[in-house]
């Protein structure tokens, strides 16, 4: 299930075109629950991409610098050691 929450977002539809309008205070949040497939791969020369896809074909991609990915790995390993989820 893909959940997308967009705040303060406004577009203008005119002659078949979509134009971004309104204040620059927009924000968005996307959540993908119960992914069927999660893949990690190189992205460009200095980034890592995490791609998660569910059974409905919804997909979320996250591209980050290698040092950011190392921080994620550290957090994941700490969670594995400390969390009851992995018991």
N, C-alpha and C. Protein backbone atom coordinates (compact mmCIF):
# COMPACT_ATOMS: atom_id res chain seq x y z
N UNK A 1 0.84 -1.17 0.00
CA UNK A 1 0.00 0.00 0.00
C UNK A 1 0.88 1.24 0.00
N UNK A 2 0.60 2.14 -0.90
CA UNK A 2 1.34 3.39 -0.99
C UNK A 2 0.48 4.50 -0.41
N UNK A 3 1.05 5.25 0.52
CA UNK A 3 0.37 6.38 1.15
C UNK A 3 1.18 7.62 0.83
N UNK A 4 0.54 8.61 0.21
CA UNK A 4 1.21 9.86 -0.13
C UNK A 4 0.42 11.00 0.52
N UNK A 5 1.12 11.82 1.29
CA UNK A 5 0.52 12.97 1.95
C UNK A 5 1.23 14.22 1.42
N UNK A 6 0.47 15.08 0.75
CA UNK A 6 1.02 16.30 0.18
C UNK A 6 0.38 17.48 0.89
N UNK A 7 1.19 18.40 1.36
CA UNK A 7 0.69 19.53 2.12
C UNK A 7 0.96 20.84 1.37
N UNK A 8 -0.01 21.73 1.41
CA UNK A 8 0.12 23.05 0.78
C UNK A 8 0.53 22.95 -0.69
N UNK A 9 -0.11 22.06 -1.40
CA UNK A 9 0.24 21.81 -2.80
C UNK A 9 -0.89 22.30 -3.70
N UNK A 10 -0.53 23.07 -4.69
CA UNK A 10 -1.54 23.59 -5.61
C UNK A 10 -0.95 23.57 -7.02
N UNK A 11 -1.76 23.10 -7.97
CA UNK A 11 -1.36 23.13 -9.37
C UNK A 11 -2.46 23.81 -10.17
N UNK A 12 -2.09 24.30 -11.32
CA UNK A 12 -3.03 24.92 -12.24
C UNK A 12 -3.07 24.07 -13.50
N UNK A 13 -4.27 23.70 -13.93
CA UNK A 13 -4.45 22.95 -15.17
C UNK A 13 -4.95 23.92 -16.23
N UNK A 14 -4.19 24.05 -17.31
CA UNK A 14 -4.57 24.97 -18.37
C UNK A 14 -4.11 24.42 -19.71
N UNK A 15 -5.04 24.26 -20.61
CA UNK A 15 -4.75 23.76 -21.96
C UNK A 15 -3.97 22.45 -21.93
N UNK A 16 -4.31 21.56 -21.02
CA UNK A 16 -3.66 20.25 -20.93
C UNK A 16 -2.32 20.26 -20.25
N UNK A 17 -1.90 21.39 -19.73
CA UNK A 17 -0.61 21.48 -19.04
C UNK A 17 -0.82 21.64 -17.54
N UNK A 18 0.12 21.13 -16.77
CA UNK A 18 0.09 21.27 -15.32
C UNK A 18 1.17 22.25 -14.93
N UNK A 19 0.79 23.28 -14.19
CA UNK A 19 1.74 24.29 -13.74
C UNK A 19 1.72 24.35 -12.22
N UNK A 20 2.89 24.33 -11.62
CA UNK A 20 3.02 24.45 -10.18
C UNK A 20 2.75 25.89 -9.78
N UNK A 21 1.81 26.11 -8.88
CA UNK A 21 1.48 27.45 -8.42
C UNK A 21 1.43 27.48 -6.90
N UNK A 22 1.40 28.65 -6.34
CA UNK A 22 1.29 28.78 -4.89
C UNK A 22 2.63 29.04 -4.24
N UNK A 23 2.57 29.14 -2.93
CA UNK A 23 3.76 29.44 -2.13
C UNK A 23 4.74 28.26 -2.14
N UNK A 24 6.03 28.53 -1.87
CA UNK A 24 7.03 27.48 -1.85
C UNK A 24 7.08 26.72 -0.52
N UNK A 25 5.95 26.58 0.14
CA UNK A 25 5.91 25.91 1.45
C UNK A 25 5.40 24.49 1.33
N UNK A 26 5.49 23.92 0.16
CA UNK A 26 4.99 22.58 -0.07
C UNK A 26 5.84 21.53 0.64
N UNK A 27 5.21 20.45 1.03
CA UNK A 27 5.94 19.32 1.57
C UNK A 27 5.20 18.05 1.19
N UNK A 28 5.92 16.95 1.19
CA UNK A 28 5.30 15.67 0.84
C UNK A 28 5.92 14.56 1.66
N UNK A 29 5.15 13.54 1.87
CA UNK A 29 5.61 12.35 2.60
C UNK A 29 5.05 11.13 1.88
N UNK A 30 5.88 10.15 1.60
CA UNK A 30 5.43 8.92 0.95
C UNK A 30 5.82 7.73 1.81
N UNK A 31 4.89 6.81 1.96
CA UNK A 31 5.13 5.59 2.75
C UNK A 31 4.69 4.40 1.92
N UNK A 32 5.51 3.37 1.90
CA UNK A 32 5.18 2.14 1.20
C UNK A 32 5.17 1.02 2.24
N UNK A 33 4.00 0.45 2.45
CA UNK A 33 3.85 -0.60 3.45
C UNK A 33 3.89 -1.96 2.77
N UNK A 34 4.47 -2.94 3.44
CA UNK A 34 4.53 -4.33 2.97
C UNK A 34 5.11 -4.48 1.57
N UNK A 35 6.33 -3.98 1.35
CA UNK A 35 6.92 -4.17 0.02
C UNK A 35 7.20 -5.64 -0.25
N UNK A 36 7.06 -6.03 -1.50
CA UNK A 36 7.38 -7.39 -1.92
C UNK A 36 8.85 -7.54 -2.29
N UNK A 37 9.45 -6.44 -2.72
CA UNK A 37 10.84 -6.50 -3.18
C UNK A 37 11.56 -5.23 -2.74
N UNK A 38 12.76 -5.39 -2.21
CA UNK A 38 13.61 -4.26 -1.84
C UNK A 38 14.98 -4.53 -2.44
N UNK A 39 15.49 -3.56 -3.18
CA UNK A 39 16.77 -3.70 -3.87
C UNK A 39 17.68 -2.52 -3.51
N UNK A 40 18.96 -2.82 -3.38
CA UNK A 40 19.97 -1.78 -3.13
C UNK A 40 20.98 -1.87 -4.26
N UNK A 41 21.30 -0.71 -4.87
CA UNK A 41 22.25 -0.72 -5.98
C UNK A 41 23.01 0.60 -6.06
N UNK A 42 24.09 0.60 -6.83
CA UNK A 42 24.83 1.83 -7.08
C UNK A 42 23.98 2.77 -7.91
N UNK A 43 24.18 4.07 -7.66
CA UNK A 43 23.45 5.08 -8.41
C UNK A 43 24.44 6.20 -8.71
N UNK A 44 24.85 6.28 -9.95
CA UNK A 44 25.86 7.27 -10.32
C UNK A 44 27.22 6.89 -9.76
N UNK A 45 28.07 7.90 -9.59
CA UNK A 45 29.43 7.66 -9.13
C UNK A 45 29.57 7.68 -7.61
N UNK A 46 28.60 8.27 -6.90
CA UNK A 46 28.81 8.46 -5.46
C UNK A 46 27.58 8.17 -4.62
N UNK A 47 26.55 7.59 -5.22
CA UNK A 47 25.33 7.37 -4.45
C UNK A 47 24.89 5.92 -4.46
N UNK A 48 24.02 5.62 -3.51
CA UNK A 48 23.39 4.32 -3.38
C UNK A 48 21.89 4.54 -3.50
N UNK A 49 21.21 3.65 -4.21
CA UNK A 49 19.76 3.77 -4.37
C UNK A 49 19.09 2.56 -3.73
N UNK A 50 18.07 2.82 -2.92
CA UNK A 50 17.23 1.78 -2.34
C UNK A 50 15.88 1.88 -3.05
N UNK A 51 15.42 0.76 -3.62
CA UNK A 51 14.16 0.73 -4.35
C UNK A 51 13.26 -0.33 -3.71
N UNK A 52 12.06 0.07 -3.30
CA UNK A 52 11.09 -0.85 -2.71
C UNK A 52 9.83 -0.84 -3.56
N UNK A 53 9.31 -2.04 -3.89
CA UNK A 53 8.14 -2.19 -4.74
C UNK A 53 7.15 -3.13 -4.07
N UNK A 54 5.84 -2.80 -4.19
CA UNK A 54 4.83 -3.70 -3.62
C UNK A 54 4.12 -4.48 -4.73
N UNK A 55 3.18 -5.34 -4.34
CA UNK A 55 2.49 -6.21 -5.29
C UNK A 55 1.64 -5.43 -6.29
N UNK A 56 1.24 -4.22 -5.94
CA UNK A 56 0.42 -3.41 -6.84
C UNK A 56 1.25 -2.62 -7.84
N UNK A 57 2.58 -2.73 -7.74
CA UNK A 57 3.46 -1.99 -8.65
C UNK A 57 3.85 -0.62 -8.14
N UNK A 58 3.40 -0.26 -6.95
CA UNK A 58 3.84 1.01 -6.35
C UNK A 58 5.32 0.90 -6.02
N UNK A 59 6.05 1.99 -6.19
CA UNK A 59 7.49 1.96 -5.98
C UNK A 59 7.94 3.23 -5.29
N UNK A 60 8.86 3.07 -4.36
CA UNK A 60 9.51 4.20 -3.70
C UNK A 60 11.01 4.03 -3.89
N UNK A 61 11.67 5.11 -4.33
CA UNK A 61 13.12 5.10 -4.52
C UNK A 61 13.74 6.14 -3.60
N UNK A 62 14.87 5.76 -3.01
CA UNK A 62 15.63 6.68 -2.16
C UNK A 62 17.07 6.64 -2.64
N UNK A 63 17.60 7.78 -3.06
CA UNK A 63 19.00 7.89 -3.46
C UNK A 63 19.72 8.69 -2.40
N UNK A 64 20.88 8.19 -1.97
CA UNK A 64 21.63 8.87 -0.92
C UNK A 64 23.12 8.71 -1.16
N UNK A 65 23.89 9.60 -0.55
CA UNK A 65 25.34 9.49 -0.63
C UNK A 65 25.81 8.25 0.12
N UNK A 66 26.96 7.75 -0.24
CA UNK A 66 27.49 6.52 0.36
C UNK A 66 27.64 6.65 1.87
N UNK A 67 28.08 7.81 2.37
CA UNK A 67 28.24 7.95 3.82
C UNK A 67 26.88 7.98 4.52
N UNK A 68 25.86 8.49 3.87
CA UNK A 68 24.52 8.43 4.44
C UNK A 68 24.04 6.98 4.51
N UNK A 69 24.33 6.20 3.47
CA UNK A 69 23.95 4.80 3.46
C UNK A 69 24.69 4.03 4.55
N UNK A 70 25.95 4.36 4.79
CA UNK A 70 26.68 3.72 5.88
C UNK A 70 26.02 3.99 7.22
N UNK A 71 25.50 5.21 7.42
CA UNK A 71 24.77 5.53 8.64
C UNK A 71 23.51 4.68 8.76
N UNK A 72 22.81 4.47 7.64
CA UNK A 72 21.62 3.63 7.64
C UNK A 72 22.00 2.19 8.01
N UNK A 73 23.09 1.70 7.44
CA UNK A 73 23.55 0.34 7.77
C UNK A 73 23.88 0.22 9.26
N UNK A 74 24.56 1.22 9.81
CA UNK A 74 24.87 1.21 11.24
C UNK A 74 23.60 1.16 12.08
N UNK A 75 22.62 1.97 11.71
CA UNK A 75 21.35 1.98 12.43
C UNK A 75 20.64 0.64 12.32
N UNK A 76 20.67 0.03 11.12
CA UNK A 76 20.02 -1.26 10.91
C UNK A 76 20.70 -2.35 11.74
N UNK A 77 22.02 -2.34 11.79
CA UNK A 77 22.73 -3.34 12.58
C UNK A 77 22.47 -3.16 14.07
N UNK A 78 22.40 -1.92 14.55
CA UNK A 78 22.08 -1.66 15.95
C UNK A 78 20.67 -2.14 16.27
N UNK A 79 19.74 -1.90 15.36
CA UNK A 79 18.37 -2.37 15.56
C UNK A 79 18.32 -3.88 15.63
N UNK A 80 19.07 -4.54 14.76
CA UNK A 80 19.10 -6.01 14.75
C UNK A 80 19.59 -6.55 16.09
N UNK A 81 20.57 -5.89 16.69
CA UNK A 81 21.13 -6.34 17.96
C UNK A 81 20.23 -6.03 19.16
N UNK A 82 19.48 -4.93 19.08
CA UNK A 82 18.77 -4.45 20.26
C UNK A 82 17.26 -4.67 20.24
N UNK A 83 16.67 -4.89 19.09
CA UNK A 83 15.22 -4.90 18.97
C UNK A 83 14.62 -6.29 19.20
N UNK A 84 13.45 -6.31 19.78
CA UNK A 84 12.72 -7.57 19.98
C UNK A 84 12.16 -8.09 18.65
N UNK A 85 12.14 -7.26 17.60
CA UNK A 85 11.64 -7.66 16.30
C UNK A 85 12.45 -8.84 15.76
N UNK A 86 13.73 -8.89 16.09
CA UNK A 86 14.62 -9.93 15.54
C UNK A 86 14.83 -11.10 16.48
N UNK A 87 14.00 -11.22 17.50
CA UNK A 87 14.16 -12.33 18.46
C UNK A 87 13.65 -13.61 17.88
